N, C-alpha and C. Protein backbone atom coordinates (compact mmCIF):
# COMPACT_ATOMS: atom_id res chain seq x y z
N MET A 1 136.80 2.68 157.51
CA MET A 1 137.45 2.89 158.70
C MET A 1 136.40 3.26 159.82
N ARG A 2 135.57 4.32 159.53
CA ARG A 2 134.40 4.43 160.57
C ARG A 2 133.41 3.33 160.68
N ARG A 3 132.95 2.77 159.63
CA ARG A 3 132.13 1.75 159.83
C ARG A 3 132.71 0.51 160.63
N GLN A 4 133.98 0.28 160.44
CA GLN A 4 134.60 -0.88 161.38
C GLN A 4 134.45 -0.31 162.94
N LEU A 5 134.82 0.93 163.14
CA LEU A 5 134.74 1.54 164.41
C LEU A 5 133.32 1.41 165.04
N TRP A 6 132.41 1.75 164.47
CA TRP A 6 130.92 1.56 164.77
C TRP A 6 130.62 0.22 165.12
N LYS A 7 131.01 -0.88 164.20
CA LYS A 7 130.73 -2.07 164.60
C LYS A 7 131.49 -2.56 165.86
N MET A 8 132.72 -2.01 166.04
CA MET A 8 133.26 -2.54 167.26
C MET A 8 132.75 -1.91 168.60
N VAL A 9 132.03 -0.68 168.50
CA VAL A 9 131.26 -0.02 169.43
C VAL A 9 130.18 -0.75 169.80
N GLY A 10 129.52 -1.19 168.74
CA GLY A 10 128.20 -2.12 169.06
C GLY A 10 128.45 -3.26 169.56
N ALA A 11 129.53 -3.90 169.30
CA ALA A 11 129.84 -5.12 169.72
C ALA A 11 130.09 -5.19 171.23
N ILE A 12 131.04 -4.15 171.72
CA ILE A 12 131.40 -3.85 172.88
C ILE A 12 130.15 -3.41 173.80
N ALA A 13 129.27 -2.72 173.38
CA ALA A 13 128.00 -2.29 173.96
C ALA A 13 127.17 -3.66 174.24
N SER A 14 127.09 -4.54 173.13
CA SER A 14 126.35 -5.67 173.38
C SER A 14 126.87 -6.56 174.42
N VAL A 15 128.00 -6.72 174.41
CA VAL A 15 128.98 -7.58 175.57
C VAL A 15 128.64 -6.97 176.85
N ALA A 16 128.66 -5.67 176.93
CA ALA A 16 128.53 -4.79 178.11
C ALA A 16 127.00 -5.11 178.75
N VAL A 17 125.94 -4.89 177.88
CA VAL A 17 124.65 -5.38 178.31
C VAL A 17 124.51 -6.77 178.71
N ALA A 18 124.97 -7.58 177.95
CA ALA A 18 125.03 -9.04 178.20
C ALA A 18 125.60 -9.17 179.84
N LEU A 19 126.71 -8.62 179.94
CA LEU A 19 127.46 -8.91 181.24
C LEU A 19 126.84 -8.02 182.36
N GLY A 20 125.87 -7.16 182.23
CA GLY A 20 125.32 -6.44 183.05
C GLY A 20 126.19 -5.36 183.48
N VAL A 21 127.22 -4.93 182.56
CA VAL A 21 127.94 -3.68 182.94
C VAL A 21 127.40 -2.43 182.52
N LEU A 22 126.69 -2.50 181.37
CA LEU A 22 125.72 -1.24 180.99
C LEU A 22 124.37 -1.72 181.19
N ALA A 23 123.58 -0.86 182.08
CA ALA A 23 122.33 -1.20 182.53
C ALA A 23 121.16 -0.47 181.63
N LEU A 24 120.03 -1.18 181.38
CA LEU A 24 118.97 -0.69 180.63
C LEU A 24 118.32 0.44 181.65
N PRO A 25 117.70 1.45 180.88
CA PRO A 25 116.74 2.22 181.75
C PRO A 25 115.87 1.67 182.86
N ALA A 26 115.79 2.16 183.85
CA ALA A 26 114.78 1.66 185.17
C ALA A 26 113.62 1.28 184.68
N ASP A 27 112.94 1.87 183.92
CA ASP A 27 111.67 1.63 183.34
C ASP A 27 111.48 0.35 182.68
N ALA A 28 112.49 0.12 181.66
CA ALA A 28 112.69 -1.07 180.90
C ALA A 28 113.01 -2.35 181.83
N ALA A 29 113.78 -2.09 182.69
CA ALA A 29 114.14 -3.08 183.45
C ALA A 29 112.98 -3.56 184.60
N ALA A 30 112.09 -2.77 184.84
CA ALA A 30 111.05 -2.99 185.79
C ALA A 30 109.80 -3.77 185.09
N ARG A 31 109.76 -3.56 183.89
CA ARG A 31 108.56 -4.16 183.18
C ARG A 31 109.05 -5.47 182.64
N PRO A 32 107.97 -6.49 183.02
CA PRO A 32 108.43 -7.84 182.34
C PRO A 32 108.33 -7.86 180.76
N TYR A 33 108.98 -8.42 179.95
CA TYR A 33 108.79 -8.63 178.59
C TYR A 33 107.71 -9.69 178.22
N CYS A 34 106.70 -9.33 177.85
CA CYS A 34 105.51 -10.43 177.55
C CYS A 34 105.59 -10.89 176.31
N GLY A 35 105.83 -10.29 175.23
CA GLY A 35 105.59 -10.64 173.89
C GLY A 35 104.15 -11.04 173.41
N LEU A 36 103.18 -10.53 174.00
CA LEU A 36 101.87 -10.78 173.86
C LEU A 36 101.46 -10.39 172.32
N ARG A 37 100.75 -11.11 171.52
CA ARG A 37 100.34 -10.86 170.31
C ARG A 37 98.88 -11.22 170.13
N TRP A 38 97.90 -10.87 171.18
CA TRP A 38 96.60 -11.37 171.15
C TRP A 38 95.51 -10.50 170.27
N GLY A 39 95.55 -9.22 170.29
CA GLY A 39 94.63 -8.48 169.72
C GLY A 39 93.50 -8.25 170.47
N SER A 40 92.37 -7.49 169.94
CA SER A 40 91.16 -7.10 170.63
C SER A 40 90.07 -7.44 169.89
N LEU A 41 90.03 -8.34 168.77
CA LEU A 41 88.84 -8.62 167.86
C LEU A 41 87.96 -9.62 168.78
N PRO A 42 86.91 -9.76 168.22
CA PRO A 42 86.01 -10.95 168.81
C PRO A 42 86.79 -12.20 168.62
N LYS A 43 86.60 -13.17 169.64
CA LYS A 43 87.21 -14.46 169.85
C LYS A 43 86.19 -15.58 170.10
N GLN A 44 86.42 -16.79 169.56
CA GLN A 44 85.34 -17.82 169.81
C GLN A 44 86.09 -19.15 170.00
N VAL A 45 85.73 -20.04 171.06
CA VAL A 45 86.24 -21.22 170.99
C VAL A 45 85.31 -22.23 171.05
N GLY A 46 85.26 -23.41 170.40
CA GLY A 46 84.19 -24.43 170.64
C GLY A 46 82.92 -24.12 169.59
N ARG A 47 81.87 -24.85 169.65
CA ARG A 47 80.98 -24.90 168.51
C ARG A 47 79.45 -24.58 168.94
N GLY A 48 79.35 -24.39 170.28
CA GLY A 48 77.99 -23.77 170.86
C GLY A 48 77.79 -24.87 171.76
N PRO A 49 76.33 -24.84 172.37
CA PRO A 49 75.85 -25.77 173.69
C PRO A 49 76.01 -27.17 172.90
N GLY A 50 76.58 -28.06 174.07
CA GLY A 50 76.34 -29.37 173.64
C GLY A 50 75.11 -30.08 174.49
N PHE A 51 75.17 -31.31 174.22
CA PHE A 51 74.11 -32.14 175.16
C PHE A 51 74.82 -33.32 175.49
N PRO A 52 74.65 -33.77 176.78
CA PRO A 52 74.18 -32.98 177.77
C PRO A 52 75.01 -32.04 178.16
N PRO A 53 74.49 -30.76 178.84
CA PRO A 53 75.47 -29.63 178.82
C PRO A 53 76.43 -29.80 180.00
N SER A 54 77.54 -29.24 180.10
CA SER A 54 78.31 -29.04 181.26
C SER A 54 78.22 -27.94 181.78
N PRO A 55 77.57 -27.63 182.94
CA PRO A 55 77.23 -26.51 183.67
C PRO A 55 78.24 -25.71 184.48
N LEU A 56 78.12 -24.47 184.61
CA LEU A 56 78.88 -23.53 185.19
C LEU A 56 79.04 -23.98 186.61
N VAL A 57 80.08 -24.25 187.26
CA VAL A 57 80.21 -24.28 188.77
C VAL A 57 80.86 -23.33 189.35
N GLY A 58 81.72 -22.48 188.80
CA GLY A 58 82.61 -21.55 189.69
C GLY A 58 83.26 -20.40 188.67
N VAL A 59 83.65 -19.26 189.28
CA VAL A 59 84.26 -18.19 188.57
C VAL A 59 85.29 -17.69 189.47
N ARG A 60 86.59 -17.56 188.86
CA ARG A 60 87.51 -17.18 189.94
C ARG A 60 88.58 -16.26 189.03
N ALA A 61 89.53 -15.36 189.64
CA ALA A 61 90.29 -14.51 189.01
C ALA A 61 91.78 -14.40 189.53
N GLY A 62 92.79 -14.24 188.74
CA GLY A 62 94.16 -14.15 189.22
C GLY A 62 94.78 -13.13 188.42
N ARG A 63 96.08 -12.85 189.11
CA ARG A 63 96.95 -11.67 188.63
C ARG A 63 98.25 -12.35 188.36
N HIS A 64 98.78 -11.85 187.04
CA HIS A 64 99.95 -12.38 186.57
C HIS A 64 100.77 -11.28 186.16
N ALA A 65 102.06 -11.35 185.82
CA ALA A 65 103.10 -10.33 185.55
C ALA A 65 102.53 -9.52 184.29
N CYS A 66 101.91 -10.07 183.34
CA CYS A 66 101.67 -9.44 181.99
C CYS A 66 100.13 -9.22 181.70
N PHE A 67 99.18 -9.99 182.61
CA PHE A 67 97.87 -10.11 182.22
C PHE A 67 97.10 -10.35 183.56
N ASP A 68 95.68 -10.03 183.43
CA ASP A 68 94.89 -10.43 184.42
C ASP A 68 94.03 -11.66 183.75
N ARG A 69 93.76 -12.64 184.62
CA ARG A 69 93.18 -13.88 184.27
C ARG A 69 91.76 -14.16 184.97
N LEU A 70 90.59 -14.31 184.15
CA LEU A 70 89.36 -14.73 184.55
C LEU A 70 89.05 -16.31 184.18
N VAL A 71 88.71 -17.08 184.99
CA VAL A 71 88.62 -18.60 184.95
C VAL A 71 87.20 -18.83 185.15
N PHE A 72 86.50 -19.71 184.27
CA PHE A 72 85.24 -20.40 184.29
C PHE A 72 85.42 -21.71 184.82
N ASP A 73 84.85 -22.25 185.73
CA ASP A 73 85.04 -23.87 186.00
C ASP A 73 83.71 -24.38 185.52
N PHE A 74 83.91 -25.66 184.95
CA PHE A 74 82.68 -26.35 184.42
C PHE A 74 82.59 -27.91 185.01
N ASN A 75 81.44 -28.43 185.28
CA ASN A 75 81.38 -29.84 185.59
C ASN A 75 81.29 -30.65 184.36
N GLY A 76 82.28 -31.05 183.81
CA GLY A 76 82.49 -31.47 182.41
C GLY A 76 83.20 -30.81 181.49
N VAL A 77 83.06 -31.28 180.31
CA VAL A 77 83.83 -30.80 179.11
C VAL A 77 82.99 -29.62 178.61
N VAL A 78 83.40 -28.35 178.85
CA VAL A 78 82.54 -27.23 178.33
C VAL A 78 82.61 -27.13 176.59
N ALA A 79 81.60 -26.92 176.14
CA ALA A 79 81.41 -26.69 174.74
C ALA A 79 82.05 -25.53 174.17
N GLY A 80 82.20 -24.70 175.00
CA GLY A 80 83.25 -23.49 174.34
C GLY A 80 82.62 -22.01 174.96
N GLY A 81 82.90 -20.96 174.11
CA GLY A 81 82.58 -19.70 174.59
C GLY A 81 83.07 -18.75 173.61
N ALA A 82 82.52 -17.57 173.65
CA ALA A 82 82.88 -16.36 172.88
C ALA A 82 83.02 -15.07 173.58
N ALA A 83 83.76 -14.17 173.14
CA ALA A 83 84.08 -12.70 173.91
C ALA A 83 84.32 -11.64 172.91
N GLN A 84 83.62 -10.59 173.00
CA GLN A 84 84.08 -9.52 172.23
C GLN A 84 83.69 -8.21 172.97
N TYR A 85 84.51 -7.24 172.70
CA TYR A 85 84.32 -5.80 173.19
C TYR A 85 82.94 -5.32 172.66
N VAL A 86 82.20 -4.56 173.44
CA VAL A 86 81.03 -4.14 173.00
C VAL A 86 80.80 -2.72 173.80
N GLY A 87 79.86 -1.70 173.32
CA GLY A 87 79.60 -0.73 173.91
C GLY A 87 78.98 -0.80 175.33
N LYS A 88 78.15 -1.77 175.34
CA LYS A 88 77.50 -2.06 176.90
C LYS A 88 77.25 -3.61 176.71
N VAL A 89 77.03 -4.33 177.89
CA VAL A 89 77.02 -5.58 178.00
C VAL A 89 75.33 -5.70 178.23
N THR A 90 74.63 -6.72 177.55
CA THR A 90 73.31 -6.76 177.85
C THR A 90 73.01 -8.19 178.56
N ARG A 91 71.79 -8.13 179.26
CA ARG A 91 71.50 -9.47 179.82
C ARG A 91 71.09 -10.38 178.82
N ASN A 92 71.36 -11.72 179.15
CA ASN A 92 70.77 -12.81 178.34
C ASN A 92 69.37 -12.89 178.23
N ALA A 93 68.92 -12.90 177.05
CA ALA A 93 67.41 -13.15 176.51
C ALA A 93 66.49 -11.72 176.69
N VAL A 94 67.27 -10.80 177.16
CA VAL A 94 66.44 -9.45 177.37
C VAL A 94 67.53 -8.27 177.02
N ASP A 95 67.04 -7.08 176.52
CA ASP A 95 67.89 -5.96 176.32
C ASP A 95 68.21 -4.99 177.39
N GLU A 96 68.44 -5.52 178.64
CA GLU A 96 68.60 -4.62 179.58
C GLU A 96 70.25 -4.53 179.93
N PRO A 97 70.88 -3.46 179.93
CA PRO A 97 72.27 -3.15 180.25
C PRO A 97 72.66 -3.86 181.57
N VAL A 98 73.82 -4.62 181.68
CA VAL A 98 74.45 -4.86 182.68
C VAL A 98 75.38 -3.88 183.34
N PRO A 99 75.30 -3.32 184.22
CA PRO A 99 76.02 -2.03 184.95
C PRO A 99 77.49 -2.56 185.15
N LEU A 100 78.45 -1.86 184.48
CA LEU A 100 79.96 -2.41 184.85
C LEU A 100 80.87 -1.20 184.97
N ARG A 101 81.82 -1.21 185.75
CA ARG A 101 82.76 -0.55 185.94
C ARG A 101 84.00 -0.55 184.84
N GLY A 102 84.76 0.52 184.39
CA GLY A 102 85.69 0.22 183.57
C GLY A 102 85.48 1.15 182.38
N GLY A 103 86.75 1.38 181.66
CA GLY A 103 86.85 1.91 180.31
C GLY A 103 86.36 1.21 179.07
N ALA A 104 86.24 -0.05 179.22
CA ALA A 104 85.68 -0.86 178.01
C ALA A 104 85.20 -2.19 178.50
N PHE A 105 84.19 -2.74 177.81
CA PHE A 105 83.47 -3.91 178.39
C PHE A 105 83.54 -5.10 177.44
N LEU A 106 83.89 -6.18 178.00
CA LEU A 106 83.93 -7.59 177.21
C LEU A 106 82.54 -8.40 177.50
N GLN A 107 81.74 -8.62 176.60
CA GLN A 107 80.50 -9.53 176.68
C GLN A 107 81.04 -10.85 176.35
N ILE A 108 80.95 -11.74 177.40
CA ILE A 108 81.28 -13.02 177.56
C ILE A 108 80.32 -14.10 177.34
N ALA A 109 80.02 -14.94 176.42
CA ALA A 109 79.01 -16.00 176.16
C ALA A 109 79.56 -17.27 176.46
N LEU A 110 79.13 -17.80 177.63
CA LEU A 110 79.54 -19.28 177.73
C LEU A 110 78.69 -20.13 177.26
N TYR A 111 79.07 -21.24 176.47
CA TYR A 111 78.07 -22.23 175.65
C TYR A 111 77.69 -23.10 176.91
N ALA A 112 77.21 -22.71 178.05
CA ALA A 112 76.77 -23.57 179.21
C ALA A 112 75.99 -22.97 179.93
N PRO A 113 74.94 -23.81 180.72
CA PRO A 113 74.02 -23.17 181.55
C PRO A 113 74.63 -23.09 183.07
N THR A 114 73.77 -22.48 183.93
CA THR A 114 74.21 -22.29 185.34
C THR A 114 73.28 -23.28 186.24
N TYR A 115 72.69 -24.24 185.66
CA TYR A 115 71.87 -25.30 186.25
C TYR A 115 71.95 -26.61 185.50
N ASP A 116 71.49 -27.60 186.38
CA ASP A 116 71.62 -28.86 185.57
C ASP A 116 70.47 -29.15 184.84
N LEU A 117 70.39 -30.65 184.57
CA LEU A 117 69.37 -31.09 183.66
C LEU A 117 67.97 -31.07 184.28
N ASP A 118 68.04 -31.13 185.73
CA ASP A 118 66.86 -30.95 186.17
C ASP A 118 66.31 -29.52 186.74
N GLY A 119 67.18 -28.59 186.43
CA GLY A 119 66.96 -27.06 186.69
C GLY A 119 67.48 -26.81 187.91
N HIS A 120 68.16 -27.66 188.58
CA HIS A 120 68.85 -27.14 189.95
C HIS A 120 69.89 -26.28 189.75
N PRO A 121 70.20 -25.23 190.22
CA PRO A 121 71.37 -24.29 190.18
C PRO A 121 72.51 -24.93 190.30
N THR A 122 73.71 -24.70 189.57
CA THR A 122 74.98 -25.34 189.95
C THR A 122 75.88 -23.95 190.24
N PHE A 123 75.47 -23.06 190.08
CA PHE A 123 76.32 -21.70 190.08
C PHE A 123 75.48 -20.79 190.68
N SER A 124 75.48 -20.39 191.84
CA SER A 124 74.46 -19.16 192.51
C SER A 124 75.34 -18.23 193.23
N PRO A 125 75.81 -17.14 192.59
CA PRO A 125 76.40 -16.12 193.18
C PRO A 125 75.79 -15.37 194.34
N ARG A 126 76.67 -14.99 195.38
CA ARG A 126 75.98 -14.19 196.43
C ARG A 126 75.63 -12.80 196.03
N ASP A 127 76.43 -12.27 195.12
CA ASP A 127 76.14 -10.83 194.51
C ASP A 127 76.36 -11.02 192.97
N PRO A 128 75.32 -11.12 192.15
CA PRO A 128 75.47 -11.12 190.81
C PRO A 128 76.30 -10.10 189.96
N SER A 129 76.47 -8.89 190.80
CA SER A 129 77.17 -7.69 190.12
C SER A 129 78.47 -7.81 190.38
N GLU A 130 78.91 -8.69 191.35
CA GLU A 130 80.44 -8.97 191.65
C GLU A 130 80.65 -10.52 191.87
N LEU A 131 80.71 -11.15 190.62
CA LEU A 131 80.83 -12.69 190.65
C LEU A 131 82.36 -12.84 191.25
N VAL A 132 83.31 -12.25 191.12
CA VAL A 132 84.57 -12.45 191.73
C VAL A 132 85.16 -10.97 192.04
N ALA A 133 86.00 -11.09 193.24
CA ALA A 133 86.42 -9.67 193.77
C ALA A 133 87.68 -9.56 192.81
N VAL A 134 87.78 -8.33 192.08
CA VAL A 134 89.08 -8.15 191.48
C VAL A 134 89.49 -6.60 191.65
N GLY A 135 89.26 -6.21 193.04
CA GLY A 135 89.81 -4.92 193.38
C GLY A 135 91.20 -5.01 193.56
N GLY A 136 91.99 -4.06 193.02
CA GLY A 136 93.62 -4.24 193.12
C GLY A 136 94.10 -4.82 191.81
N PHE A 137 93.34 -5.11 190.87
CA PHE A 137 93.90 -5.90 189.53
C PHE A 137 94.30 -4.77 188.81
N ARG A 138 95.32 -4.97 188.11
CA ARG A 138 95.76 -3.89 187.02
C ARG A 138 94.78 -3.73 185.92
N THR A 139 94.13 -4.74 185.30
CA THR A 139 93.25 -4.70 184.24
C THR A 139 91.85 -4.89 184.64
N LEU A 140 91.52 -6.05 185.25
CA LEU A 140 90.09 -6.18 185.62
C LEU A 140 89.42 -4.99 186.41
N ARG A 141 88.19 -4.62 186.21
CA ARG A 141 87.44 -3.71 187.13
C ARG A 141 86.44 -4.35 187.83
N GLN A 142 85.61 -5.30 187.10
CA GLN A 142 84.29 -5.66 187.53
C GLN A 142 83.76 -7.01 186.55
N VAL A 143 83.31 -8.09 187.38
CA VAL A 143 82.84 -9.17 186.80
C VAL A 143 81.43 -9.41 187.07
N ALA A 144 80.48 -9.23 186.17
CA ALA A 144 79.11 -9.39 186.70
C ALA A 144 78.13 -10.33 185.86
N ASP A 145 77.21 -10.89 186.43
CA ASP A 145 76.28 -12.03 185.96
C ASP A 145 75.30 -11.18 184.79
N GLY A 146 75.16 -11.59 183.55
CA GLY A 146 74.37 -11.47 182.61
C GLY A 146 73.20 -12.47 182.27
N GLY A 147 73.05 -13.46 183.10
CA GLY A 147 72.01 -14.35 183.28
C GLY A 147 72.46 -15.75 182.41
N SER A 148 71.47 -16.58 182.44
CA SER A 148 71.45 -17.89 181.84
C SER A 148 70.29 -18.27 181.21
N PHE A 149 70.15 -18.47 180.09
CA PHE A 149 69.04 -18.99 179.38
C PHE A 149 69.14 -19.75 178.23
N GLU A 150 68.41 -20.95 178.22
CA GLU A 150 68.62 -21.88 176.98
C GLU A 150 70.09 -22.34 176.54
N GLY A 151 70.69 -22.79 177.63
CA GLY A 151 72.16 -23.25 177.43
C GLY A 151 73.25 -22.34 177.40
N TYR A 152 73.04 -20.93 177.31
CA TYR A 152 73.86 -20.01 177.11
C TYR A 152 74.04 -19.21 178.74
N THR A 153 75.13 -18.66 178.78
CA THR A 153 75.19 -17.98 180.03
C THR A 153 76.23 -16.56 179.53
N THR A 154 75.50 -15.41 179.92
CA THR A 154 76.36 -14.25 179.72
C THR A 154 76.88 -13.56 181.02
N VAL A 155 78.27 -13.24 180.68
CA VAL A 155 79.07 -12.64 181.82
C VAL A 155 79.59 -11.33 180.99
N GLY A 156 79.25 -10.21 182.13
CA GLY A 156 80.01 -8.93 181.85
C GLY A 156 81.31 -8.75 182.45
N LEU A 157 82.40 -8.26 181.58
CA LEU A 157 83.74 -8.16 182.29
C LEU A 157 84.17 -6.57 182.03
N GLY A 158 84.03 -5.74 183.00
CA GLY A 158 84.61 -4.40 182.81
C GLY A 158 86.10 -4.38 183.03
N VAL A 159 86.71 -3.85 182.06
CA VAL A 159 88.37 -3.75 182.11
C VAL A 159 88.82 -2.18 182.03
N ARG A 160 89.93 -2.06 182.33
CA ARG A 160 90.71 -0.65 182.42
C ARG A 160 90.37 0.13 180.97
N ALA A 161 90.61 -0.57 179.95
CA ALA A 161 90.69 0.06 178.69
C ALA A 161 90.58 -1.15 177.70
N ARG A 162 90.28 -0.85 176.39
CA ARG A 162 90.24 -1.87 175.44
C ARG A 162 91.71 -2.29 175.05
N LEU A 163 91.95 -3.52 175.69
CA LEU A 163 93.35 -4.28 175.69
C LEU A 163 93.56 -5.40 175.01
N PRO A 164 94.28 -6.07 174.58
CA PRO A 164 94.44 -7.30 173.77
C PRO A 164 94.18 -8.39 175.02
N TYR A 165 93.22 -9.45 174.49
CA TYR A 165 92.98 -10.57 175.26
C TYR A 165 93.05 -11.76 174.43
N ARG A 166 92.93 -12.98 175.29
CA ARG A 166 92.92 -14.09 174.66
C ARG A 166 91.85 -15.15 175.15
N LEU A 167 91.26 -16.11 174.75
CA LEU A 167 90.42 -17.00 175.07
C LEU A 167 90.79 -18.43 174.75
N TYR A 168 90.53 -19.46 175.54
CA TYR A 168 90.88 -20.63 175.54
C TYR A 168 90.37 -21.66 176.50
N VAL A 169 90.29 -22.88 176.02
CA VAL A 169 89.55 -23.87 177.12
C VAL A 169 90.71 -24.87 177.65
N LEU A 170 90.92 -25.24 178.83
CA LEU A 170 91.67 -26.17 179.44
C LEU A 170 90.81 -27.25 179.86
N ARG A 171 91.24 -28.39 179.76
CA ARG A 171 90.83 -29.65 180.15
C ARG A 171 91.17 -30.15 181.58
N GLY A 172 90.34 -30.76 182.50
CA GLY A 172 90.75 -31.10 183.78
C GLY A 172 90.60 -30.18 184.90
N PRO A 173 90.69 -30.33 186.08
CA PRO A 173 91.21 -31.56 186.38
C PRO A 173 90.16 -32.81 186.47
N GLY A 174 90.63 -33.96 186.26
CA GLY A 174 89.52 -35.27 186.16
C GLY A 174 88.74 -34.84 184.85
N SER A 175 87.53 -34.89 184.97
CA SER A 175 86.29 -34.84 183.97
C SER A 175 85.93 -33.39 183.82
N GLN A 176 86.31 -32.40 184.70
CA GLN A 176 86.10 -31.05 184.62
C GLN A 176 86.88 -30.28 183.41
N SER A 177 86.49 -29.00 183.27
CA SER A 177 87.11 -28.09 182.23
C SER A 177 87.09 -26.64 182.73
N ARG A 178 87.96 -25.89 182.10
CA ARG A 178 87.85 -24.48 182.20
C ARG A 178 87.97 -23.76 181.16
N LEU A 179 87.12 -22.51 180.98
CA LEU A 179 87.31 -21.57 179.82
C LEU A 179 87.95 -20.33 180.55
N VAL A 180 89.23 -19.87 179.92
CA VAL A 180 89.86 -18.90 180.47
C VAL A 180 90.01 -17.56 179.63
N ILE A 181 89.87 -16.54 180.02
CA ILE A 181 90.11 -15.17 179.32
C ILE A 181 91.45 -14.45 180.08
N ASP A 182 92.51 -14.22 179.35
CA ASP A 182 93.58 -13.40 179.86
C ASP A 182 93.36 -12.17 179.25
N VAL A 183 93.55 -10.94 179.82
CA VAL A 183 93.54 -9.51 179.54
C VAL A 183 94.77 -8.88 179.72
N ALA A 184 95.52 -8.48 178.74
CA ALA A 184 96.76 -7.86 178.92
C ALA A 184 96.74 -6.64 179.75
N HIS A 185 97.93 -6.36 180.35
CA HIS A 185 98.09 -5.07 181.15
C HIS A 185 98.26 -3.93 180.17
N ARG A 186 98.70 -4.05 179.10
CA ARG A 186 99.26 -3.16 178.18
C ARG A 186 99.29 -3.65 176.68
N TRP A 187 99.18 -2.75 175.77
CA TRP A 187 99.50 -3.27 174.49
C TRP A 187 101.04 -3.67 174.05
């Protein structure tokens, strides 16, 4: 008898939630459900620098409901990249630290240079320590240049804490491509 009663109470509560009669706590209703299952271990896409290289031409960032996004734009098909949390990000080809704000640091290796085959720059940031403005973002704290050498470009990403992230490549528009890093707002 009690089991049947509890089943009936559960069914009534489920219907009430579905109809909006019984409200969820305000905190649960305010947060979007993201269902992110990314993790924080090292990630890699692609196979390493290709020839002819597709140089980096731009960096931009965006805010989303569940994550902050960093996008690298390439003039051609990018060969890929890698990212991992490190104690300190170091400049490409030398062991100098890249100063970054944040509680955790992602070292990003782009399998692409910042110059064309003739050595002309394709990406020349005004301020190498602030590649893109991320003030006011929930997770991203700073994006800094770590140098470009022999077909590799290093970028340091300061984030609020060691949070889950994903790394992937998008083709287009046209013959261009993008490497994307999304860093979650929470676990």
